[in-house]
Amino acid sequence: MVGSFGLIMDTIAEGFDRDGNKEFINFVSFSKGSASDLKSQTFRAFDKILITEEQFNKLINMCELEKNKIGAFMYYFKKSEIKGQKIKRN
């Protein structure tokens, strides 16, 4: 499950290097989906008794926090005047 948090960060980094606001937001959106994947994995781990209830609750809360942060980040960039290197300003 720890690797999934890395995937979230890696996907955001990949989107950043696309040099365009719309592409970046798209990759950030993929990252939000990865947070949902991690939440699903957490439920499966708990159902299979691989993690304790305390670990489960902590991970679920972390997933929700990450999804909220990523959503706020997406909102910020949708409203931002920053457009990336692909788009030249006049």
N, C-alpha and C. Protein backbone atom coordinates (compact mmCIF):
# COMPACT_ATOMS: atom_id res chain seq x y z
N MET A 1 0.81 -1.20 0.00
CA MET A 1 0.00 0.00 0.00
C MET A 1 0.85 1.26 0.00
N VAL A 2 2.01 1.19 0.60
CA VAL A 2 2.89 2.35 0.63
C VAL A 2 3.26 2.76 -0.79
N GLY A 3 3.46 1.79 -1.67
CA GLY A 3 3.80 2.08 -3.05
C GLY A 3 2.72 2.88 -3.76
N SER A 4 1.47 2.71 -3.33
CA SER A 4 0.38 3.46 -3.95
C SER A 4 0.50 4.96 -3.69
N PHE A 5 0.97 5.32 -2.48
CA PHE A 5 1.19 6.74 -2.21
C PHE A 5 2.29 7.27 -3.12
N GLY A 6 3.29 6.44 -3.39
CA GLY A 6 4.34 6.83 -4.32
C GLY A 6 3.80 7.01 -5.72
N LEU A 7 2.87 6.15 -6.13
CA LEU A 7 2.25 6.26 -7.45
C LEU A 7 1.52 7.59 -7.58
N ILE A 8 0.84 8.01 -6.54
CA ILE A 8 0.14 9.30 -6.56
C ILE A 8 1.13 10.42 -6.86
N MET A 9 2.23 10.44 -6.14
CA MET A 9 3.24 11.48 -6.31
C MET A 9 3.89 11.39 -7.70
N ASP A 10 4.19 10.18 -8.14
CA ASP A 10 4.83 9.99 -9.45
C ASP A 10 3.93 10.47 -10.59
N THR A 11 2.64 10.22 -10.48
CA THR A 11 1.71 10.63 -11.52
C THR A 11 1.61 12.15 -11.59
N ILE A 12 1.60 12.80 -10.44
CA ILE A 12 1.59 14.26 -10.42
C ILE A 12 2.86 14.80 -11.06
N ALA A 13 4.00 14.19 -10.75
CA ALA A 13 5.27 14.63 -11.33
C ALA A 13 5.26 14.45 -12.86
N GLU A 14 4.72 13.34 -13.33
CA GLU A 14 4.64 13.11 -14.77
C GLU A 14 3.79 14.17 -15.44
N GLY A 15 2.66 14.49 -14.84
CA GLY A 15 1.79 15.52 -15.39
C GLY A 15 2.45 16.89 -15.41
N PHE A 16 3.23 17.18 -14.39
CA PHE A 16 3.94 18.46 -14.32
C PHE A 16 4.88 18.64 -15.50
N ASP A 17 5.53 17.56 -15.90
CA ASP A 17 6.48 17.63 -17.01
C ASP A 17 5.80 17.69 -18.38
N ARG A 18 4.49 17.63 -18.42
CA ARG A 18 3.77 17.76 -19.69
C ARG A 18 3.71 19.22 -20.15
N ASP A 19 4.04 20.14 -19.27
CA ASP A 19 4.17 21.57 -19.59
C ASP A 19 2.88 22.26 -20.02
N GLY A 20 1.77 21.72 -19.69
CA GLY A 20 0.51 22.38 -20.02
C GLY A 20 -0.47 22.24 -18.88
N ASN A 21 -1.21 23.29 -18.61
CA ASN A 21 -2.14 23.30 -17.48
C ASN A 21 -3.20 22.20 -17.59
N LYS A 22 -3.79 22.06 -18.77
CA LYS A 22 -4.86 21.07 -18.93
C LYS A 22 -4.33 19.64 -18.75
N GLU A 23 -3.16 19.37 -19.32
CA GLU A 23 -2.57 18.04 -19.17
C GLU A 23 -2.20 17.78 -17.71
N PHE A 24 -1.66 18.81 -17.06
CA PHE A 24 -1.29 18.66 -15.66
C PHE A 24 -2.51 18.32 -14.81
N ILE A 25 -3.59 19.06 -15.01
CA ILE A 25 -4.83 18.79 -14.26
C ILE A 25 -5.32 17.37 -14.53
N ASN A 26 -5.19 16.92 -15.77
CA ASN A 26 -5.61 15.56 -16.12
C ASN A 26 -4.81 14.52 -15.32
N PHE A 27 -3.50 14.72 -15.23
CA PHE A 27 -2.68 13.77 -14.48
C PHE A 27 -2.93 13.87 -12.98
N VAL A 28 -3.22 15.07 -12.50
CA VAL A 28 -3.58 15.21 -11.08
C VAL A 28 -4.88 14.45 -10.82
N SER A 29 -5.79 14.50 -11.78
CA SER A 29 -7.04 13.75 -11.66
C SER A 29 -6.77 12.23 -11.59
N PHE A 30 -5.82 11.76 -12.40
CA PHE A 30 -5.43 10.35 -12.32
C PHE A 30 -4.91 10.02 -10.91
N SER A 31 -4.18 10.95 -10.34
CA SER A 31 -3.64 10.75 -8.99
C SER A 31 -4.75 10.63 -7.97
N LYS A 32 -5.80 11.42 -8.14
CA LYS A 32 -6.95 11.33 -7.23
C LYS A 32 -7.59 9.94 -7.35
N GLY A 33 -7.64 9.43 -8.57
CA GLY A 33 -8.15 8.07 -8.77
C GLY A 33 -7.27 7.03 -8.09
N SER A 34 -5.97 7.26 -8.09
CA SER A 34 -5.05 6.34 -7.40
C SER A 34 -5.30 6.35 -5.90
N ALA A 35 -5.68 7.49 -5.35
CA ALA A 35 -6.02 7.56 -3.92
C ALA A 35 -7.27 6.71 -3.64
N SER A 36 -8.20 6.70 -4.57
CA SER A 36 -9.37 5.84 -4.43
C SER A 36 -9.00 4.37 -4.55
N ASP A 37 -8.05 4.06 -5.44
CA ASP A 37 -7.54 2.69 -5.54
C ASP A 37 -6.94 2.24 -4.21
N LEU A 38 -6.17 3.12 -3.61
CA LEU A 38 -5.55 2.80 -2.32
C LEU A 38 -6.60 2.57 -1.24
N LYS A 39 -7.65 3.36 -1.28
CA LYS A 39 -8.75 3.18 -0.32
C LYS A 39 -9.38 1.79 -0.51
N SER A 40 -9.57 1.39 -1.75
CA SER A 40 -10.12 0.07 -2.04
C SER A 40 -9.20 -1.04 -1.53
N GLN A 41 -7.90 -0.88 -1.75
CA GLN A 41 -6.92 -1.85 -1.26
C GLN A 41 -6.96 -1.95 0.27
N THR A 42 -7.19 -0.82 0.91
CA THR A 42 -7.27 -0.79 2.37
C THR A 42 -8.45 -1.62 2.86
N PHE A 43 -9.59 -1.47 2.20
CA PHE A 43 -10.76 -2.27 2.56
C PHE A 43 -10.48 -3.77 2.39
N ARG A 44 -9.83 -4.13 1.29
CA ARG A 44 -9.51 -5.55 1.07
C ARG A 44 -8.55 -6.07 2.13
N ALA A 45 -7.55 -5.28 2.47
CA ALA A 45 -6.57 -5.70 3.49
C ALA A 45 -7.26 -5.90 4.83
N PHE A 46 -8.19 -5.02 5.15
CA PHE A 46 -8.92 -5.15 6.42
C PHE A 46 -9.83 -6.37 6.39
N ASP A 47 -10.53 -6.57 5.27
CA ASP A 47 -11.43 -7.73 5.14
C ASP A 47 -10.67 -9.05 5.25
N LYS A 48 -9.42 -9.07 4.79
CA LYS A 48 -8.61 -10.29 4.87
C LYS A 48 -7.81 -10.38 6.17
N ILE A 49 -8.09 -9.45 7.07
CA ILE A 49 -7.45 -9.39 8.39
C ILE A 49 -5.93 -9.27 8.27
N LEU A 50 -5.48 -8.47 7.30
CA LEU A 50 -4.06 -8.22 7.13
C LEU A 50 -3.62 -6.98 7.90
N ILE A 51 -4.60 -6.12 8.25
CA ILE A 51 -4.32 -4.92 9.04
C ILE A 51 -5.33 -4.83 10.18
N THR A 52 -4.95 -4.11 11.22
CA THR A 52 -5.85 -3.94 12.37
C THR A 52 -6.90 -2.87 12.05
N GLU A 53 -7.90 -2.80 12.90
CA GLU A 53 -8.92 -1.76 12.73
C GLU A 53 -8.31 -0.37 12.88
N GLU A 54 -7.36 -0.24 13.78
CA GLU A 54 -6.68 1.04 13.97
C GLU A 54 -5.91 1.44 12.70
N GLN A 55 -5.19 0.49 12.11
CA GLN A 55 -4.47 0.76 10.86
C GLN A 55 -5.45 1.09 9.73
N PHE A 56 -6.53 0.34 9.68
CA PHE A 56 -7.57 0.57 8.67
C PHE A 56 -8.09 2.00 8.75
N ASN A 57 -8.49 2.40 9.96
CA ASN A 57 -9.05 3.75 10.14
C ASN A 57 -8.03 4.83 9.78
N LYS A 58 -6.79 4.62 10.17
CA LYS A 58 -5.74 5.59 9.85
C LYS A 58 -5.55 5.70 8.34
N LEU A 59 -5.49 4.56 7.66
CA LEU A 59 -5.29 4.58 6.20
C LEU A 59 -6.48 5.19 5.46
N ILE A 60 -7.69 4.85 5.90
CA ILE A 60 -8.88 5.42 5.26
C ILE A 60 -8.88 6.93 5.41
N ASN A 61 -8.55 7.41 6.61
CA ASN A 61 -8.49 8.86 6.83
C ASN A 61 -7.41 9.51 5.98
N MET A 62 -6.27 8.84 5.84
CA MET A 62 -5.19 9.37 5.00
C MET A 62 -5.64 9.45 3.54
N CYS A 63 -6.33 8.42 3.07
CA CYS A 63 -6.82 8.42 1.69
C CYS A 63 -7.79 9.57 1.45
N GLU A 64 -8.71 9.76 2.36
CA GLU A 64 -9.68 10.84 2.22
C GLU A 64 -8.99 12.20 2.25
N LEU A 65 -8.02 12.36 3.13
CA LEU A 65 -7.28 13.61 3.21
C LEU A 65 -6.54 13.87 1.90
N GLU A 66 -5.89 12.84 1.35
CA GLU A 66 -5.18 13.00 0.08
C GLU A 66 -6.13 13.35 -1.05
N LYS A 67 -7.27 12.67 -1.10
CA LYS A 67 -8.25 12.98 -2.15
C LYS A 67 -8.72 14.42 -2.05
N ASN A 68 -8.94 14.90 -0.83
CA ASN A 68 -9.37 16.29 -0.64
C ASN A 68 -8.28 17.27 -1.04
N LYS A 69 -7.04 16.96 -0.67
CA LYS A 69 -5.92 17.84 -1.04
C LYS A 69 -5.75 17.88 -2.56
N ILE A 70 -5.84 16.73 -3.19
CA ILE A 70 -5.69 16.66 -4.64
C ILE A 70 -6.83 17.42 -5.31
N GLY A 71 -8.05 17.28 -4.80
CA GLY A 71 -9.19 18.02 -5.34
C GLY A 71 -8.99 19.52 -5.23
N ALA A 72 -8.48 19.98 -4.09
CA ALA A 72 -8.22 21.42 -3.91
C ALA A 72 -7.12 21.88 -4.86
N PHE A 73 -6.11 21.04 -5.05
CA PHE A 73 -5.01 21.35 -5.97
C PHE A 73 -5.54 21.48 -7.39
N MET A 74 -6.43 20.59 -7.79
CA MET A 74 -7.03 20.65 -9.12
C MET A 74 -7.84 21.94 -9.28
N TYR A 75 -8.61 22.27 -8.27
CA TYR A 75 -9.42 23.49 -8.31
C TYR A 75 -8.53 24.71 -8.49
N TYR A 76 -7.44 24.76 -7.73
CA TYR A 76 -6.50 25.87 -7.81
C TYR A 76 -5.98 26.04 -9.25
N PHE A 77 -5.54 24.95 -9.85
CA PHE A 77 -4.97 25.05 -11.19
C PHE A 77 -6.02 25.34 -12.25
N LYS A 78 -7.24 24.90 -12.05
CA LYS A 78 -8.30 25.23 -13.01
C LYS A 78 -8.56 26.73 -13.02
N LYS A 79 -8.41 27.37 -11.86
CA LYS A 79 -8.66 28.81 -11.75
C LYS A 79 -7.41 29.65 -11.99
N SER A 80 -6.27 29.01 -12.05
CA SER A 80 -4.99 29.71 -12.15
C SER A 80 -4.75 30.30 -13.53
N GLU A 81 -4.01 31.40 -13.55
CA GLU A 81 -3.59 31.99 -14.81
C GLU A 81 -2.32 31.33 -15.32
N ILE A 82 -1.71 30.49 -14.53
CA ILE A 82 -0.51 29.77 -14.93
C ILE A 82 -0.92 28.73 -15.96
N LYS A 83 -0.32 28.76 -17.13
CA LYS A 83 -0.74 27.87 -18.21
C LYS A 83 0.32 26.89 -18.64
N GLY A 84 1.54 27.01 -18.17
CA GLY A 84 2.59 26.08 -18.55
C GLY A 84 3.40 26.58 -19.72
N GLN A 85 4.49 25.91 -19.99
CA GLN A 85 5.42 26.35 -21.01
C GLN A 85 4.90 26.16 -22.43
N LYS A 86 3.94 25.26 -22.63
CA LYS A 86 3.43 25.03 -23.98
C LYS A 86 2.64 26.23 -24.49
N ILE A 87 2.06 26.97 -23.58
CA ILE A 87 1.22 28.10 -23.96
C ILE A 87 1.99 29.38 -23.76
N LYS A 88 2.21 30.08 -24.85
CA LYS A 88 2.99 31.33 -24.77
C LYS A 88 2.06 32.49 -24.50
N ARG A 89 2.47 33.32 -23.57
CA ARG A 89 1.69 34.51 -23.25
C ARG A 89 2.05 35.64 -24.20
N ASN A 90 1.09 36.49 -24.45
CA ASN A 90 1.34 37.66 -25.32
C ASN A 90 2.14 38.70 -24.57
